[in-house]
Amino acid sequence: SGRALYVGISSYTPERTREAARMLRDMGTPCLIHQPSYSMLNRRIEENGLLEVLEQEGVGCIAFCPLAQGMLTNKYVEGIPEGSRVTKKYGSLKHDQITDEKLSIIKQLNALASERNQSLAQMALRWVLRHETMTTALIGASRPRQIEENVACLEGTDFSDEELRRIDAILAA
């Protein structure tokens, strides 16, 4: 009926994204944004080709969960703290998701972030936002200070090729 001026979608496969963008374009209502889960610890959209489809279709991307439920913050660098969401009975981050292997990755990423004069959260957000199709990253914050820290990621430097190679090597472990 012409009421929708644009559309956003979430968690579609690359194939379904292409199909949705085509259908919406044919109806005169463009698909402007796609919201997939994406972080250093969840690179599925790189592996399955979604980023390429979004670029080809002219659709922007909003990264959902770019800090991996808080794992890519300094909260878990020294292990699982009491009172964290992992220790709560109900929640989306479970104790078994924070393995020794993941803690090792988090510590290595944190060391690289320190070399970049950033917090781990700032580096993780900057890393997500490095893609041209990435328009924003959704952050969840329980305190104003967290918002200030996360927004400061925009003041950081771009990644060098060497830093990106190091990140890839850390994440491949």
C-alpha atoms as a PDB file:
ATOM      1  CA  SER A   1       0.000   0.000   0.000  1.00  0.00           C
ATOM      2  CA  GLY A   2       3.051   2.275  -0.115  1.00  0.00           C
ATOM      3  CA  ARG A   3       3.334   2.738   3.635  1.00  0.00           C
ATOM      4  CA  ALA A   4       6.760   1.161   3.970  1.00  0.00           C
ATOM      5  CA  LEU A   5       9.496   3.485   2.776  1.00  0.00           C
ATOM      6  CA  TYR A   6      12.372   1.086   3.418  1.00  0.00           C
ATOM      7  CA  VAL A   7      13.034  -2.251   5.088  1.00  0.00           C
ATOM      8  CA  GLY A   8      15.674  -3.776   7.337  1.00  0.00           C
ATOM      9  CA  ILE A   9      16.245  -7.483   7.800  1.00  0.00           C
ATOM     10  CA  SER A  10      18.100  -9.565  10.353  1.00  0.00           C
ATOM     11  CA  SER A  11      20.016 -12.840  10.269  1.00  0.00           C
ATOM     12  CA  TYR A  12      19.198 -13.810   6.674  1.00  0.00           C
ATOM     13  CA  THR A  13      21.521 -16.087   4.742  1.00  0.00           C
ATOM     14  CA  PRO A  14      23.342 -14.544   1.788  1.00  0.00           C
ATOM     15  CA  GLU A  15      20.923 -16.237  -0.628  1.00  0.00           C
ATOM     16  CA  ARG A  16      17.818 -15.079   1.242  1.00  0.00           C
ATOM     17  CA  THR A  17      19.308 -11.588   1.543  1.00  0.00           C
ATOM     18  CA  ARG A  18      19.808 -11.374  -2.224  1.00  0.00           C
ATOM     19  CA  GLU A  19      16.257 -12.656  -2.799  1.00  0.00           C
ATOM     20  CA  ALA A  20      14.751 -10.231  -0.268  1.00  0.00           C
ATOM     21  CA  ALA A  21      16.652  -7.275  -1.730  1.00  0.00           C
ATOM     22  CA  ARG A  22      15.440  -8.154  -5.243  1.00  0.00           C
ATOM     23  CA  MET A  23      11.812  -8.617  -4.151  1.00  0.00           C
ATOM     24  CA  LEU A  24      11.805  -5.373  -2.200  1.00  0.00           C
ATOM     25  CA  ARG A  25      13.460  -3.474  -5.043  1.00  0.00           C
ATOM     26  CA  ASP A  26      10.782  -4.798  -7.433  1.00  0.00           C
ATOM     27  CA  MET A  27       8.107  -3.490  -5.036  1.00  0.00           C
ATOM     28  CA  GLY A  28       9.772  -0.068  -4.850  1.00  0.00           C
ATOM     29  CA  THR A  29      10.717  -0.428  -1.193  1.00  0.00           C
ATOM     30  CA  PRO A  30      14.494  -0.731  -0.804  1.00  0.00           C
ATOM     31  CA  CYS A  31      16.176  -2.938   1.760  1.00  0.00           C
ATOM     32  CA  LEU A  32      18.539  -0.524   3.487  1.00  0.00           C
ATOM     33  CA  ILE A  33      20.038  -2.578   6.278  1.00  0.00           C
ATOM     34  CA  HIS A  34      20.826  -6.101   7.416  1.00  0.00           C
ATOM     35  CA  GLN A  35      21.528  -6.943  11.076  1.00  0.00           C
ATOM     36  CA  PRO A  36      23.618 -10.110  11.487  1.00  0.00           C
ATOM     37  CA  SER A  37      25.549 -11.281  14.513  1.00  0.00           C
ATOM     38  CA  TYR A  38      29.207 -10.393  13.924  1.00  0.00           C
ATOM     39  CA  SER A  39      32.292 -10.106  16.077  1.00  0.00           C
ATOM     40  CA  MET A  40      35.896 -11.222  16.226  1.00  0.00           C
ATOM     41  CA  LEU A  41      34.595 -14.424  17.806  1.00  0.00           C
ATOM     42  CA  ASN A  42      31.804 -14.896  15.253  1.00  0.00           C
ATOM     43  CA  ARG A  43      33.030 -14.311  11.711  1.00  0.00           C
ATOM     44  CA  ARG A  44      30.299 -16.278   9.956  1.00  0.00           C
ATOM     45  CA  ILE A  45      29.281 -13.357   7.697  1.00  0.00           C
ATOM     46  CA  GLU A  46      32.820 -13.205   6.298  1.00  0.00           C
ATOM     47  CA  GLU A  47      32.904 -16.942   5.704  1.00  0.00           C
ATOM     48  CA  ASN A  48      29.461 -17.356   4.136  1.00  0.00           C
ATOM     49  CA  GLY A  49      29.727 -14.398   1.738  1.00  0.00           C
ATOM     50  CA  LEU A  50      27.079 -12.158   3.315  1.00  0.00           C
ATOM     51  CA  LEU A  51      29.336  -9.086   3.297  1.00  0.00           C
ATOM     52  CA  GLU A  52      29.875  -9.453  -0.449  1.00  0.00           C
ATOM     53  CA  VAL A  53      26.133  -9.828  -1.074  1.00  0.00           C
ATOM     54  CA  LEU A  54      25.411  -6.716   0.981  1.00  0.00           C
ATOM     55  CA  GLU A  55      27.983  -4.749  -0.989  1.00  0.00           C
ATOM     56  CA  GLN A  56      26.607  -5.985  -4.329  1.00  0.00           C
ATOM     57  CA  GLU A  57      23.030  -5.202  -3.314  1.00  0.00           C
ATOM     58  CA  GLY A  58      23.861  -1.807  -1.812  1.00  0.00           C
ATOM     59  CA  VAL A  59      22.578  -2.839   1.610  1.00  0.00           C
ATOM     60  CA  GLY A  60      24.239  -1.575   4.778  1.00  0.00           C
ATOM     61  CA  CYS A  61      25.137  -3.748   7.735  1.00  0.00           C
ATOM     62  CA  ILE A  62      24.591  -3.298  11.477  1.00  0.00           C
ATOM     63  CA  ALA A  63      26.680  -5.695  13.546  1.00  0.00           C
ATOM     64  CA  PHE A  64      24.682  -7.308  16.323  1.00  0.00           C
ATOM     65  CA  CYS A  65      26.655  -8.493  19.354  1.00  0.00           C
ATOM     66  CA  PRO A  66      30.037  -7.046  18.240  1.00  0.00           C
ATOM     67  CA  LEU A  67      31.461  -7.496  21.744  1.00  0.00           C
ATOM     68  CA  ALA A  68      30.382 -11.168  21.879  1.00  0.00           C
ATOM     69  CA  GLN A  69      28.137 -10.811  24.924  1.00  0.00           C
ATOM     70  CA  GLY A  70      30.909  -8.938  26.754  1.00  0.00           C
ATOM     71  CA  MET A  71      33.632 -11.496  26.068  1.00  0.00           C
ATOM     72  CA  LEU A  72      35.471  -8.870  23.990  1.00  0.00           C
ATOM     73  CA  THR A  73      35.692  -6.430  26.877  1.00  0.00           C
ATOM     74  CA  ASN A  74      38.182  -6.400  29.709  1.00  0.00           C
ATOM     75  CA  LYS A  75      35.640  -8.160  31.951  1.00  0.00           C
ATOM     76  CA  TYR A  76      36.867 -11.684  31.112  1.00  0.00           C
ATOM     77  CA  VAL A  77      40.582 -11.051  30.548  1.00  0.00           C
ATOM     78  CA  GLU A  78      41.432 -12.554  33.935  1.00  0.00           C
ATOM     79  CA  GLY A  79      38.742 -15.243  33.891  1.00  0.00           C
ATOM     80  CA  ILE A  80      35.078 -15.258  34.871  1.00  0.00           C
ATOM     81  CA  PRO A  81      34.329 -12.639  37.538  1.00  0.00           C
ATOM     82  CA  GLU A  82      31.678 -13.146  40.215  1.00  0.00           C
ATOM     83  CA  GLY A  83      28.441 -11.399  39.368  1.00  0.00           C
ATOM     84  CA  SER A  84      29.072 -11.420  35.603  1.00  0.00           C
ATOM     85  CA  ARG A  85      26.278 -12.523  33.281  1.00  0.00           C
ATOM     86  CA  VAL A  86      27.957 -15.910  32.937  1.00  0.00           C
ATOM     87  CA  THR A  87      27.409 -16.617  36.632  1.00  0.00           C
ATOM     88  CA  LYS A  88      23.683 -15.864  36.443  1.00  0.00           C
ATOM     89  CA  LYS A  89      21.197 -18.710  36.036  1.00  0.00           C
ATOM     90  CA  TYR A  90      19.381 -17.034  33.156  1.00  0.00           C
ATOM     91  CA  GLY A  91      21.110 -15.238  30.333  1.00  0.00           C
ATOM     92  CA  SER A  92      22.437 -15.571  26.840  1.00  0.00           C
ATOM     93  CA  LEU A  93      26.078 -16.171  27.790  1.00  0.00           C
ATOM     94  CA  LYS A  94      26.688 -19.568  29.321  1.00  0.00           C
ATOM     95  CA  HIS A  95      29.625 -20.691  31.453  1.00  0.00           C
ATOM     96  CA  ASP A  96      30.634 -23.362  28.923  1.00  0.00           C
ATOM     97  CA  GLN A  97      31.067 -20.707  26.215  1.00  0.00           C
ATOM     98  CA  ILE A  98      34.060 -19.234  28.040  1.00  0.00           C
ATOM     99  CA  THR A  99      36.600 -21.984  27.560  1.00  0.00           C
ATOM    100  CA  ASP A 100      40.313 -21.908  28.365  1.00  0.00           C
ATOM    101  CA  GLU A 101      40.930 -21.614  24.612  1.00  0.00           C
ATOM    102  CA  LYS A 102      38.608 -18.614  24.357  1.00  0.00           C
ATOM    103  CA  LEU A 103      40.203 -16.980  27.402  1.00  0.00           C
ATOM    104  CA  SER A 104      43.603 -17.411  25.748  1.00  0.00           C
ATOM    105  CA  ILE A 105      42.301 -15.704  22.601  1.00  0.00           C
ATOM    106  CA  ILE A 106      40.781 -12.883  24.658  1.00  0.00           C
ATOM    107  CA  LYS A 107      44.080 -12.326  26.508  1.00  0.00           C
ATOM    108  CA  GLN A 108      46.056 -12.221  23.244  1.00  0.00           C
ATOM    109  CA  LEU A 109      43.585  -9.787  21.687  1.00  0.00           C
ATOM    110  CA  ASN A 110      43.725  -7.648  24.815  1.00  0.00           C
ATOM    111  CA  ALA A 111      47.529  -7.487  24.551  1.00  0.00           C
ATOM    112  CA  LEU A 112      47.258  -6.304  20.947  1.00  0.00           C
ATOM    113  CA  ALA A 113      44.631  -3.740  21.942  1.00  0.00           C
ATOM    114  CA  SER A 114      47.032  -2.408  24.589  1.00  0.00           C
ATOM    115  CA  GLU A 115      49.732  -2.034  21.929  1.00  0.00           C
ATOM    116  CA  ARG A 116      47.206   0.007  19.922  1.00  0.00           C
ATOM    117  CA  ASN A 117      46.457   2.158  23.005  1.00  0.00           C
ATOM    118  CA  GLN A 118      42.878   0.903  23.018  1.00  0.00           C
ATOM    119  CA  SER A 119      40.752  -1.177  25.310  1.00  0.00           C
ATOM    120  CA  LEU A 120      39.786  -4.606  24.026  1.00  0.00           C
ATOM    121  CA  ALA A 121      36.221  -3.371  23.467  1.00  0.00           C
ATOM    122  CA  GLN A 122      37.460  -0.391  21.433  1.00  0.00           C
ATOM    123  CA  MET A 123      39.638  -2.601  19.256  1.00  0.00           C
ATOM    124  CA  ALA A 124      36.845  -5.151  18.774  1.00  0.00           C
ATOM    125  CA  LEU A 125      34.415  -2.432  17.693  1.00  0.00           C
ATOM    126  CA  ARG A 126      36.975  -0.759  15.424  1.00  0.00           C
ATOM    127  CA  TRP A 127      37.663  -4.181  13.851  1.00  0.00           C
ATOM    128  CA  VAL A 128      33.956  -4.757  13.137  1.00  0.00           C
ATOM    129  CA  LEU A 129      33.558  -1.267  11.678  1.00  0.00           C
ATOM    130  CA  ARG A 130      36.494  -1.681   9.268  1.00  0.00           C
ATOM    131  CA  HIS A 131      34.196  -3.020   6.518  1.00  0.00           C
ATOM    132  CA  GLU A 132      32.857  -0.477   4.068  1.00  0.00           C
ATOM    133  CA  THR A 133      29.324  -1.921   4.250  1.00  0.00           C
ATOM    134  CA  MET A 134      29.287  -1.812   8.069  1.00  0.00           C
ATOM    135  CA  THR A 135      27.244   1.227   8.987  1.00  0.00           C
ATOM    136  CA  THR A 136      27.228   0.733  12.747  1.00  0.00           C
ATOM    137  CA  ALA A 137      27.677  -1.720  15.577  1.00  0.00           C
ATOM    138  CA  LEU A 138      25.032  -2.271  18.232  1.00  0.00           C
ATOM    139  CA  ILE A 139      26.432  -2.009  21.713  1.00  0.00           C
ATOM    140  CA  GLY A 140      24.745  -2.793  24.981  1.00  0.00           C
ATOM    141  CA  ALA A 141      25.834  -0.720  27.918  1.00  0.00           C
ATOM    142  CA  SER A 142      24.776  -0.785  31.534  1.00  0.00           C
ATOM    143  CA  ARG A 143      26.658   2.407  32.422  1.00  0.00           C
ATOM    144  CA  PRO A 144      27.273   5.725  30.618  1.00  0.00           C
ATOM    145  CA  ARG A 145      31.027   5.180  30.962  1.00  0.00           C
ATOM    146  CA  GLN A 146      30.767   2.082  28.755  1.00  0.00           C
ATOM    147  CA  ILE A 147      29.124   4.134  26.011  1.00  0.00           C
ATOM    148  CA  GLU A 148      31.892   6.732  26.216  1.00  0.00           C
ATOM    149  CA  GLU A 149      34.574   4.037  26.065  1.00  0.00           C
ATOM    150  CA  ASN A 150      32.940   2.287  23.115  1.00  0.00           C
ATOM    151  CA  VAL A 151      32.397   5.457  21.088  1.00  0.00           C
ATOM    152  CA  ALA A 152      36.080   6.294  21.604  1.00  0.00           C
ATOM    153  CA  CYS A 153      36.868   3.404  19.245  1.00  0.00           C
ATOM    154  CA  LEU A 154      36.275   5.905  16.446  1.00  0.00           C
ATOM    155  CA  GLU A 155      39.335   7.874  17.577  1.00  0.00           C
ATOM    156  CA  GLY A 156      41.645   4.891  17.124  1.00  0.00           C
ATOM    157  CA  THR A 157      43.882   4.333  14.151  1.00  0.00           C
ATOM    158  CA  ASP A 158      43.034   2.072  11.254  1.00  0.00           C
ATOM    159  CA  PHE A 159      44.500  -1.401  11.373  1.00  0.00           C
ATOM    160  CA  SER A 160      47.771  -2.057   9.638  1.00  0.00           C
ATOM    161  CA  ASP A 161      48.044  -5.140   7.437  1.00  0.00           C
ATOM    162  CA  GLU A 162      50.348  -6.636  10.064  1.00  0.00           C
ATOM    163  CA  GLU A 163      47.798  -6.065  12.847  1.00  0.00           C
ATOM    164  CA  LEU A 164      45.059  -7.698  10.771  1.00  0.00           C
ATOM    165  CA  ARG A 165      47.339 -10.680  10.120  1.00  0.00           C
ATOM    166  CA  ARG A 166      48.043 -10.953  13.850  1.00  0.00           C
ATOM    167  CA  ILE A 167      44.347 -10.824  14.663  1.00  0.00           C
ATOM    168  CA  ASP A 168      43.614 -13.503  12.082  1.00  0.00           C
ATOM    169  CA  ALA A 169      46.362 -15.695  13.563  1.00  0.00           C
ATOM    170  CA  ILE A 170      45.048 -15.210  17.102  1.00  0.00           C
ATOM    171  CA  LEU A 171      41.496 -16.010  16.047  1.00  0.00           C
ATOM    172  CA  ALA A 172      42.575 -19.062  14.051  1.00  0.00           C
ATOM    173  CA  ALA A 173      44.117 -20.654  17.142  1.00  0.00           C
END
